[in-house]
C-alpha cells in the first residue's frame, strides 16, 4: 500500500462532496470497511468518512483497495 497523508479531501486539493441519499449507506459501509487500513496510515474517523463520502459521490461504488488507491492518486495529483 502507498503511504498516504492523513488529511481531509479539501486539504489534498480535492473538493469534498456528499454522497446523494441513495449512496449514503454505501459511503458509511466503505468507511467502516476501510477504517483499520486507513487508521494504520494515521487517518481519523472523520477524515475517513469525508474521503468515503467524496469517493462514493464521484465513483458511485468500489471496494477498499480501489478506495485507498483513489485517495493515493488524488493526493499525488495535488502534490
PDB file of N, CA and C in Angstrom:
ATOM      1  N   UNK A   1       0.846  -1.168   0.000  1.00  0.00           N
ATOM      2  CA  UNK A   1       0.000   0.000   0.000  1.00  0.00           C
ATOM      3  C   UNK A   1       0.892   1.232   0.000  1.00  0.00           C
ATOM      4  N   UNK A   2       0.443   2.233  -0.701  1.00  0.00           N
ATOM      5  CA  UNK A   2       1.161   3.502  -0.742  1.00  0.00           C
ATOM      6  C   UNK A   2       1.075   4.193   0.601  1.00  0.00           C
ATOM      7  N   UNK A   3       2.096   4.981   0.890  1.00  0.00           N
ATOM      8  CA  UNK A   3       1.999   5.831   2.070  1.00  0.00           C
ATOM      9  C   UNK A   3       1.021   6.944   1.748  1.00  0.00           C
ATOM     10  N   UNK A   4       0.070   7.131   2.621  1.00  0.00           N
ATOM     11  CA  UNK A   4      -0.941   8.164   2.448  1.00  0.00           C
ATOM     12  C   UNK A   4      -0.703   9.256   3.470  1.00  0.00           C
ATOM     13  N   UNK A   5      -1.150  10.452   3.161  1.00  0.00           N
ATOM     14  CA  UNK A   5      -1.075  11.563   4.088  1.00  0.00           C
ATOM     15  C   UNK A   5      -2.419  11.679   4.784  1.00  0.00           C
ATOM     16  N   UNK A   6      -2.455  11.555   6.110  1.00  0.00           N
ATOM     17  CA  UNK A   6      -3.739  11.647   6.806  1.00  0.00           C
ATOM     18  C   UNK A   6      -4.238  13.084   6.817  1.00  0.00           C
ATOM     19  N   UNK A   7      -5.149  13.359   5.909  1.00  0.00           N
ATOM     20  CA  UNK A   7      -5.722  14.684   5.772  1.00  0.00           C
ATOM     21  C   UNK A   7      -7.136  14.541   5.230  1.00  0.00           C
ATOM     22  N   UNK A   8      -7.864  15.634   5.243  1.00  0.00           N
ATOM     23  CA  UNK A   8      -9.203  15.655   4.674  1.00  0.00           C
ATOM     24  C   UNK A   8      -9.083  15.904   3.180  1.00  0.00           C
ATOM     25  N   UNK A   9     -10.106  15.523   2.413  1.00  0.00           N
ATOM     26  CA  UNK A   9     -10.006  15.724   0.961  1.00  0.00           C
ATOM     27  C   UNK A   9      -9.647  17.152   0.565  1.00  0.00           C
ATOM     28  N   UNK A  10     -10.299  18.137   1.160  1.00  0.00           N
ATOM     29  CA  UNK A  10     -10.026  19.522   0.753  1.00  0.00           C
ATOM     30  C   UNK A  10      -8.582  19.922   1.037  1.00  0.00           C
ATOM     31  N   UNK A  11      -7.957  19.307   2.037  1.00  0.00           N
ATOM     32  CA  UNK A  11      -6.557  19.603   2.348  1.00  0.00           C
ATOM     33  C   UNK A  11      -5.628  19.034   1.282  1.00  0.00           C
ATOM     34  N   UNK A  12      -6.126  18.036   0.529  1.00  0.00           N
ATOM     35  CA  UNK A  12      -5.358  17.453  -0.574  1.00  0.00           C
ATOM     36  C   UNK A  12      -5.743  18.084  -1.906  1.00  0.00           C
ATOM     37  N   UNK A  13      -6.565  19.145  -1.840  1.00  0.00           N
ATOM     38  CA  UNK A  13      -6.977  19.817  -3.067  1.00  0.00           C
ATOM     39  C   UNK A  13      -8.132  19.148  -3.774  1.00  0.00           C
ATOM     40  N   UNK A  14      -8.832  18.239  -3.083  1.00  0.00           N
ATOM     41  CA  UNK A  14      -9.966  17.521  -3.659  1.00  0.00           C
ATOM     42  C   UNK A  14     -11.246  18.126  -3.098  1.00  0.00           C
ATOM     43  N   UNK A  15     -12.108  18.657  -3.952  1.00  0.00           N
ATOM     44  CA  UNK A  15     -13.363  19.217  -3.446  1.00  0.00           C
ATOM     45  C   UNK A  15     -14.187  18.133  -2.750  1.00  0.00           C
ATOM     46  N   UNK A  16     -14.575  18.402  -1.518  1.00  0.00           N
ATOM     47  CA  UNK A  16     -15.381  17.432  -0.775  1.00  0.00           C
ATOM     48  C   UNK A  16     -16.796  17.430  -1.313  1.00  0.00           C
ATOM     49  N   UNK A  17     -17.330  16.247  -1.437  1.00  0.00           N
ATOM     50  CA  UNK A  17     -18.696  16.093  -1.917  1.00  0.00           C
ATOM     51  C   UNK A  17     -19.426  15.136  -0.997  1.00  0.00           C
ATOM     52  N   UNK A  18     -20.726  15.314  -0.904  1.00  0.00           N
ATOM     53  CA  UNK A  18     -21.557  14.409  -0.133  1.00  0.00           C
ATOM     54  C   UNK A  18     -22.213  13.432  -1.089  1.00  0.00           C
ATOM     55  N   UNK A  19     -22.271  12.182  -0.678  1.00  0.00           N
ATOM     56  CA  UNK A  19     -22.976  11.198  -1.473  1.00  0.00           C
ATOM     57  C   UNK A  19     -24.464  11.531  -1.443  1.00  0.00           C
ATOM     58  N   UNK A  20     -25.150  11.280  -2.554  1.00  0.00           N
ATOM     59  CA  UNK A  20     -26.588  11.535  -2.547  1.00  0.00           C
ATOM     60  C   UNK A  20     -27.242  10.540  -1.595  1.00  0.00           C
ATOM     61  N   UNK A  21     -28.444  10.831  -1.147  1.00  0.00           N
ATOM     62  CA  UNK A  21     -29.081   9.992  -0.129  1.00  0.00           C
ATOM     63  C   UNK A  21     -29.117   8.501  -0.470  1.00  0.00           C
ATOM     64  N   UNK A  22     -29.218   8.168  -1.728  1.00  0.00           N
ATOM     65  CA  UNK A  22     -29.273   6.744  -2.093  1.00  0.00           C
ATOM     66  C   UNK A  22     -27.913   6.056  -1.953  1.00  0.00           C
ATOM     67  N   UNK A  23     -26.844   6.834  -1.815  1.00  0.00           N
ATOM     68  CA  UNK A  23     -25.497   6.261  -1.682  1.00  0.00           C
ATOM     69  C   UNK A  23     -24.869   6.480  -0.304  1.00  0.00           C
ATOM     70  N   UNK A  24     -25.574   7.152   0.592  1.00  0.00           N
ATOM     71  CA  UNK A  24     -25.018   7.423   1.922  1.00  0.00           C
ATOM     72  C   UNK A  24     -24.646   6.151   2.663  1.00  0.00           C
ATOM     73  N   UNK A  25     -25.495   5.146   2.582  1.00  0.00           N
ATOM     74  CA  UNK A  25     -25.217   3.877   3.275  1.00  0.00           C
ATOM     75  C   UNK A  25     -23.962   3.231   2.705  1.00  0.00           C
ATOM     76  N   UNK A  26     -23.783   3.280   1.384  1.00  0.00           N
ATOM     77  CA  UNK A  26     -22.584   2.724   0.764  1.00  0.00           C
ATOM     78  C   UNK A  26     -21.324   3.426   1.238  1.00  0.00           C
ATOM     79  N   UNK A  27     -21.398   4.747   1.395  1.00  0.00           N
ATOM     80  CA  UNK A  27     -20.246   5.505   1.891  1.00  0.00           C
ATOM     81  C   UNK A  27     -19.930   5.111   3.328  1.00  0.00           C
ATOM     82  N   UNK A  28     -20.960   4.929   4.141  1.00  0.00           N
ATOM     83  CA  UNK A  28     -20.755   4.534   5.535  1.00  0.00           C
ATOM     84  C   UNK A  28     -20.125   3.143   5.612  1.00  0.00           C
ATOM     85  N   UNK A  29     -20.626   2.224   4.804  1.00  0.00           N
ATOM     86  CA  UNK A  29     -20.092   0.859   4.795  1.00  0.00           C
ATOM     87  C   UNK A  29     -18.638   0.865   4.331  1.00  0.00           C
ATOM     88  N   UNK A  30     -18.341   1.603   3.272  1.00  0.00           N
ATOM     89  CA  UNK A  30     -16.964   1.670   2.770  1.00  0.00           C
ATOM     90  C   UNK A  30     -16.040   2.251   3.827  1.00  0.00           C
ATOM     91  N   UNK A  31     -16.470   3.312   4.500  1.00  0.00           N
ATOM     92  CA  UNK A  31     -15.653   3.905   5.568  1.00  0.00           C
ATOM     93  C   UNK A  31     -15.388   2.884   6.661  1.00  0.00           C
ATOM     94  N   UNK A  32     -16.419   2.124   7.039  1.00  0.00           N
ATOM     95  CA  UNK A  32     -16.244   1.090   8.069  1.00  0.00           C
ATOM     96  C   UNK A  32     -15.258   0.021   7.618  1.00  0.00           C
ATOM     97  N   UNK A  33     -15.383  -0.414   6.372  1.00  0.00           N
ATOM     98  CA  UNK A  33     -14.504  -1.465   5.859  1.00  0.00           C
ATOM     99  C   UNK A  33     -13.055  -0.996   5.723  1.00  0.00           C
ATOM    100  N   UNK A  34     -12.861   0.280   5.425  1.00  0.00           N
ATOM    101  CA  UNK A  34     -11.507   0.819   5.217  1.00  0.00           C
ATOM    102  C   UNK A  34     -10.884   1.371   6.493  1.00  0.00           C
ATOM    103  N   UNK A  35     -11.656   1.437   7.556  1.00  0.00           N
ATOM    104  CA  UNK A  35     -11.208   2.106   8.787  1.00  0.00           C
ATOM    105  C   UNK A  35      -9.866   1.584   9.289  1.00  0.00           C
ATOM    106  N   UNK A  36      -9.714   0.280   9.466  1.00  0.00           N
ATOM    107  CA  UNK A  36      -8.455  -0.254  10.006  1.00  0.00           C
ATOM    108  C   UNK A  36      -7.271   0.079   9.099  1.00  0.00           C
ATOM    109  N   UNK A  37      -7.464  -0.091   7.800  1.00  0.00           N
ATOM    110  CA  UNK A  37      -6.389   0.194   6.843  1.00  0.00           C
ATOM    111  C   UNK A  37      -5.964   1.654   6.915  1.00  0.00           C
ATOM    112  N   UNK A  38      -6.939   2.554   6.942  1.00  0.00           N
ATOM    113  CA  UNK A  38      -6.605   3.979   6.938  1.00  0.00           C
ATOM    114  C   UNK A  38      -6.139   4.475   8.305  1.00  0.00           C
ATOM    115  N   UNK A  39      -6.632   3.880   9.369  1.00  0.00           N
ATOM    116  CA  UNK A  39      -6.130   4.258  10.701  1.00  0.00           C
ATOM    117  C   UNK A  39      -4.646   3.934  10.818  1.00  0.00           C
ATOM    118  N   UNK A  40      -4.228   2.811  10.203  1.00  0.00           N
ATOM    119  CA  UNK A  40      -2.804   2.450  10.213  1.00  0.00           C
ATOM    120  C   UNK A  40      -1.957   3.527   9.539  1.00  0.00           C
ATOM    121  N   UNK A  41      -2.560   4.288   8.637  1.00  0.00           N
ATOM    122  CA  UNK A  41      -1.873   5.374   7.938  1.00  0.00           C
ATOM    123  C   UNK A  41      -2.009   6.700   8.691  1.00  0.00           C
ATOM    124  N   UNK A  42      -2.765   6.706   9.807  1.00  0.00           N
ATOM    125  CA  UNK A  42      -2.894   7.897  10.635  1.00  0.00           C
ATOM    126  C   UNK A  42      -4.178   8.697  10.437  1.00  0.00           C
ATOM    127  N   UNK A  43      -5.107   8.186   9.637  1.00  0.00           N
ATOM    128  CA  UNK A  43      -6.361   8.897   9.391  1.00  0.00           C
ATOM    129  C   UNK A  43      -7.286   8.811  10.603  1.00  0.00           C
ATOM    130  N   UNK A  44      -8.026   9.881  10.819  1.00  0.00           N
ATOM    131  CA  UNK A  44      -9.052   9.888  11.866  1.00  0.00           C
ATOM    132  C   UNK A  44     -10.359   9.371  11.273  1.00  0.00           C
ATOM    133  N   UNK A  45     -11.301   9.042  12.138  1.00  0.00           N
ATOM    134  CA  UNK A  45     -12.604   8.585  11.660  1.00  0.00           C
ATOM    135  C   UNK A  45     -13.280   9.648  10.805  1.00  0.00           C
ATOM    136  N   UNK A  46     -13.162  10.911  11.188  1.00  0.00           N
ATOM    137  CA  UNK A  46     -13.779  11.991  10.409  1.00  0.00           C
ATOM    138  C   UNK A  46     -13.161  12.095   9.018  1.00  0.00           C
ATOM    139  N   UNK A  47     -11.841  11.996   8.940  1.00  0.00           N
ATOM    140  CA  UNK A  47     -11.176  12.047   7.639  1.00  0.00           C
ATOM    141  C   UNK A  47     -11.612  10.869   6.764  1.00  0.00           C
ATOM    142  N   UNK A  48     -11.695   9.691   7.352  1.00  0.00           N
ATOM    143  CA  UNK A  48     -12.116   8.502   6.607  1.00  0.00           C
ATOM    144  C   UNK A  48     -13.526   8.695   6.067  1.00  0.00           C
ATOM    145  N   UNK A  49     -14.424   9.196   6.906  1.00  0.00           N
ATOM    146  CA  UNK A  49     -15.805   9.418   6.484  1.00  0.00           C
ATOM    147  C   UNK A  49     -15.873  10.423   5.340  1.00  0.00           C
ATOM    148  N   UNK A  50     -15.118  11.519   5.445  1.00  0.00           N
ATOM    149  CA  UNK A  50     -15.152  12.539   4.397  1.00  0.00           C
ATOM    150  C   UNK A  50     -14.601  12.008   3.078  1.00  0.00           C
ATOM    151  N   UNK A  51     -13.516  11.250   3.148  1.00  0.00           N
ATOM    152  CA  UNK A  51     -12.986  10.651   1.921  1.00  0.00           C
ATOM    153  C   UNK A  51     -13.984   9.661   1.335  1.00  0.00           C
ATOM    154  N   UNK A  52     -14.618   8.846   2.168  1.00  0.00           N
ATOM    155  CA  UNK A  52     -15.585   7.856   1.671  1.00  0.00           C
ATOM    156  C   UNK A  52     -16.777   8.546   1.011  1.00  0.00           C
ATOM    157  N   UNK A  53     -17.279   9.610   1.627  1.00  0.00           N
ATOM    158  CA  UNK A  53     -18.395  10.372   1.042  1.00  0.00           C
ATOM    159  C   UNK A  53     -18.001  10.914  -0.333  1.00  0.00           C
ATOM    160  N   UNK A  54     -16.827  11.504  -0.418  1.00  0.00           N
ATOM    161  CA  UNK A  54     -16.366  12.100  -1.670  1.00  0.00           C
ATOM    162  C   UNK A  54     -16.137  11.024  -2.719  1.00  0.00           C
ATOM    163  N   UNK A  55     -15.541   9.909  -2.318  1.00  0.00           N
ATOM    164  CA  UNK A  55     -15.295   8.805  -3.248  1.00  0.00           C
ATOM    165  C   UNK A  55     -16.601   8.269  -3.816  1.00  0.00           C
ATOM    166  N   UNK A  56     -17.547   7.982  -2.965  1.00  0.00           N
ATOM    167  CA  UNK A  56     -18.829   7.433  -3.420  1.00  0.00           C
ATOM    168  C   UNK A  56     -19.567   8.450  -4.285  1.00  0.00           C
ATOM    169  N   UNK A  57     -19.491   9.728  -3.940  1.00  0.00           N
ATOM    170  CA  UNK A  57     -20.141  10.760  -4.747  1.00  0.00           C
ATOM    171  C   UNK A  57     -19.552  10.810  -6.161  1.00  0.00           C
ATOM    172  N   UNK A  58     -18.245  10.579  -6.275  1.00  0.00           N
ATOM    173  CA  UNK A  58     -17.585  10.628  -7.581  1.00  0.00           C
ATOM    174  C   UNK A  58     -17.639   9.303  -8.326  1.00  0.00           C
ATOM    175  N   UNK A  59     -17.426   8.203  -7.623  1.00  0.00           N
ATOM    176  CA  UNK A  59     -17.268   6.903  -8.269  1.00  0.00           C
ATOM    177  C   UNK A  59     -18.527   6.033  -8.229  1.00  0.00           C
ATOM    178  N   UNK A  60     -19.402   6.276  -7.283  1.00  0.00           N
ATOM    179  CA  UNK A  60     -20.632   5.502  -7.170  1.00  0.00           C
ATOM    180  C   UNK A  60     -20.507   4.270  -6.306  1.00  0.00           C
ATOM    181  N   UNK A  61     -19.406   3.548  -6.419  1.00  0.00           N
ATOM    182  CA  UNK A  61     -19.177   2.359  -5.594  1.00  0.00           C
ATOM    183  C   UNK A  61     -17.727   1.928  -5.747  1.00  0.00           C
ATOM    184  N   UNK A  62     -17.336   0.952  -4.950  1.00  0.00           N
ATOM    185  CA  UNK A  62     -15.979   0.423  -5.031  1.00  0.00           C
ATOM    186  C   UNK A  62     -15.625  -0.325  -3.765  1.00  0.00           C
ATOM    187  N   UNK A  63     -14.493  -1.012  -3.817  1.00  0.00           N
ATOM    188  CA  UNK A  63     -14.046  -1.761  -2.645  1.00  0.00           C
ATOM    189  C   UNK A  63     -12.920  -0.996  -1.947  1.00  0.00           C
ATOM    190  N   UNK A  64     -12.436  -1.547  -0.851  1.00  0.00           N
ATOM    191  CA  UNK A  64     -11.427  -0.862  -0.041  1.00  0.00           C
ATOM    192  C   UNK A  64     -10.152  -0.608  -0.845  1.00  0.00           C
ATOM    193  N   UNK A  65      -9.700  -1.599  -1.600  1.00  0.00           N
ATOM    194  CA  UNK A  65      -8.463  -1.415  -2.363  1.00  0.00           C
ATOM    195  C   UNK A  65      -8.599  -0.282  -3.378  1.00  0.00           C
ATOM    196  N   UNK A  66      -9.723  -0.240  -4.076  1.00  0.00           N
ATOM    197  CA  UNK A  66      -9.952   0.830  -5.053  1.00  0.00           C
ATOM    198  C   UNK A  66     -10.051   2.182  -4.352  1.00  0.00           C
ATOM    199  N   UNK A  67     -10.700   2.216  -3.206  1.00  0.00           N
ATOM    200  CA  UNK A  67     -10.859   3.439  -2.425  1.00  0.00           C
ATOM    201  C   UNK A  67      -9.507   3.977  -1.973  1.00  0.00           C
ATOM    202  N   UNK A  68      -8.667   3.124  -1.407  1.00  0.00           N
ATOM    203  CA  UNK A  68      -7.345   3.550  -0.925  1.00  0.00           C
ATOM    204  C   UNK A  68      -6.474   4.005  -2.103  1.00  0.00           C
ATOM    205  N   UNK A  69      -6.532   3.279  -3.217  1.00  0.00           N
ATOM    206  CA  UNK A  69      -5.772   3.675  -4.400  1.00  0.00           C
ATOM    207  C   UNK A  69      -6.256   5.021  -4.930  1.00  0.00           C
ATOM    208  N   UNK A  70      -7.557   5.258  -4.863  1.00  0.00           N
ATOM    209  CA  UNK A  70      -8.141   6.523  -5.313  1.00  0.00           C
ATOM    210  C   UNK A  70      -7.646   7.681  -4.443  1.00  0.00           C
ATOM    211  N   UNK A  71      -7.610   7.477  -3.124  1.00  0.00           N
ATOM    212  CA  UNK A  71      -7.088   8.515  -2.228  1.00  0.00           C
ATOM    213  C   UNK A  71      -5.634   8.818  -2.588  1.00  0.00           C
ATOM    214  N   UNK A  72      -4.828   7.767  -2.747  1.00  0.00           N
ATOM    215  CA  UNK A  72      -3.409   7.954  -3.067  1.00  0.00           C
ATOM    216  C   UNK A  72      -3.248   8.718  -4.381  1.00  0.00           C
ATOM    217  N   UNK A  73      -4.047   8.387  -5.374  1.00  0.00           N
ATOM    218  CA  UNK A  73      -3.961   9.074  -6.671  1.00  0.00           C
ATOM    219  C   UNK A  73      -4.332  10.543  -6.533  1.00  0.00           C
ATOM    220  N   UNK A  74      -5.347  10.845  -5.752  1.00  0.00           N
ATOM    221  CA  UNK A  74      -5.757  12.240  -5.563  1.00  0.00           C
ATOM    222  C   UNK A  74      -4.689  13.025  -4.808  1.00  0.00           C
ATOM    223  N   UNK A  75      -4.080  12.393  -3.817  1.00  0.00           N
ATOM    224  CA  UNK A  75      -3.026  13.083  -3.066  1.00  0.00           C
ATOM    225  C   UNK A  75      -1.814  13.347  -3.953  1.00  0.00           C
ATOM    226  N   UNK A  76      -1.434  12.391  -4.779  1.00  0.00           N
ATOM    227  CA  UNK A  76      -0.274  12.577  -5.676  1.00  0.00           C
ATOM    228  C   UNK A  76      -0.564  13.649  -6.718  1.00  0.00           C
ATOM    229  N   UNK A  77      -1.778  13.661  -7.220  1.00  0.00           N
ATOM    230  CA  UNK A  77      -2.156  14.624  -8.258  1.00  0.00           C
ATOM    231  C   UNK A  77      -2.087  16.060  -7.728  1.00  0.00           C
ATOM    232  N   UNK A  78      -2.309  16.208  -6.440  1.00  0.00           N
ATOM    233  CA  UNK A  78      -2.357  17.544  -5.857  1.00  0.00           C
ATOM    234  C   UNK A  78      -1.115  17.893  -5.039  1.00  0.00           C
ATOM    235  N   UNK A  79      -0.049  17.126  -5.213  1.00  0.00           N
ATOM    236  CA  UNK A  79       1.219  17.455  -4.512  1.00  0.00           C
ATOM    237  C   UNK A  79       1.839  18.688  -5.100  1.00  0.00           C
TER     238      UNK A  79
END
